[in-house]
Amino acid sequence: MRGRALDREMAREYYWKLQLADGDAGKAREREAQRAFLTKRDAVCGALADAALTQCLTVQYQARIKVLSARAE
């Protein structure tokens, strides 16, 4: 899975994580976690180009999707 497909999957998982969040405080925590992810993604991958950038973004997005898709049991 690459690029746009990963972005769409992350957006779907983030949407559901927000829907399942516990009240306004839970939603605020999820938004802050997403902002932190984006900041980290930019810091880790920002200076790369071409194939290295694609690989970096793929790893970052897959890790974030895994976190977002984890459901509390």
Protein backbone atom coordinates (compact mmCIF):
# COMPACT_ATOMS: atom_id res chain seq x y z
CA MET A 1 0.00 0.00 0.00
CA ARG A 2 1.47 3.35 -0.94
CA GLY A 3 1.00 7.09 -0.79
CA ARG A 4 -2.58 8.11 -1.20
CA ALA A 5 -3.92 4.73 -0.13
CA LEU A 6 -2.04 4.97 3.17
CA ASP A 7 -3.23 8.54 3.62
CA ARG A 8 -6.85 7.49 3.05
CA GLU A 9 -6.52 4.55 5.43
CA MET A 10 -5.03 6.77 8.12
CA ALA A 11 -7.81 9.32 7.64
CA ARG A 12 -10.44 6.58 8.06
CA GLU A 13 -8.79 5.21 11.19
CA TYR A 14 -8.39 8.70 12.65
CA TYR A 15 -12.06 9.45 11.97
CA TRP A 16 -13.13 6.29 13.80
CA LYS A 17 -10.72 6.95 16.67
CA LEU A 18 -12.35 10.36 17.11
CA GLN A 19 -15.83 8.81 17.00
CA LEU A 20 -14.88 6.33 19.72
CA ALA A 21 -13.11 8.91 21.90
CA ASP A 22 -14.52 9.48 25.36
CA GLY A 23 -16.12 12.94 25.26
CA ASP A 24 -14.50 16.25 24.39
CA ALA A 25 -11.39 15.51 26.43
CA GLY A 26 -10.85 12.23 24.59
CA LYS A 27 -11.31 13.91 21.22
CA ALA A 28 -8.83 16.62 22.25
CA ARG A 29 -6.27 13.94 23.20
CA GLU A 30 -6.70 12.22 19.84
CA ARG A 31 -6.30 15.51 17.96
CA GLU A 32 -3.14 16.30 19.93
CA ALA A 33 -1.77 12.82 19.24
CA GLN A 34 -2.42 13.32 15.52
CA ARG A 35 -0.68 16.70 15.57
CA ALA A 36 2.28 15.10 17.36
CA PHE A 37 2.42 12.39 14.71
CA LEU A 38 2.44 14.97 11.91
CA THR A 39 5.21 16.95 13.63
CA LYS A 40 7.30 13.80 14.10
CA ARG A 41 6.63 12.67 10.53
CA ASP A 42 7.84 16.00 9.20
CA ALA A 43 10.93 15.98 11.42
CA VAL A 44 11.89 12.42 10.52
CA CYS A 45 11.10 12.46 6.80
CA GLY A 46 11.28 16.15 5.89
CA ALA A 47 14.85 16.30 4.59
CA LEU A 48 14.57 13.18 2.45
CA ALA A 49 13.71 12.97 -1.23
CA ASP A 50 12.52 10.51 -3.82
CA ALA A 51 12.58 6.82 -2.84
CA ALA A 52 13.96 7.52 0.63
CA LEU A 53 11.10 9.94 1.32
CA THR A 54 8.54 7.44 0.05
CA GLN A 55 9.98 4.68 2.24
CA CYS A 56 10.12 6.95 5.29
CA LEU A 57 6.53 8.10 4.86
CA THR A 58 5.36 4.53 4.33
CA VAL A 59 6.95 3.41 7.59
CA GLN A 60 5.59 6.41 9.49
CA TYR A 61 2.06 6.01 8.14
CA GLN A 62 1.97 2.25 8.75
CA ALA A 63 3.04 2.78 12.35
CA ARG A 64 0.42 5.48 12.91
CA ILE A 65 -2.32 3.37 11.31
CA LYS A 66 -1.41 0.53 13.67
CA VAL A 67 -1.76 2.87 16.68
CA LEU A 68 -5.03 4.32 15.42
CA SER A 69 -6.55 0.94 14.64
CA ALA A 70 -5.79 -0.49 18.07
CA ARG A 71 -9.10 -0.77 19.90
CA ALA A 72 -9.47 -0.83 23.63
CA GLU A 73 -10.76 -4.22 24.68
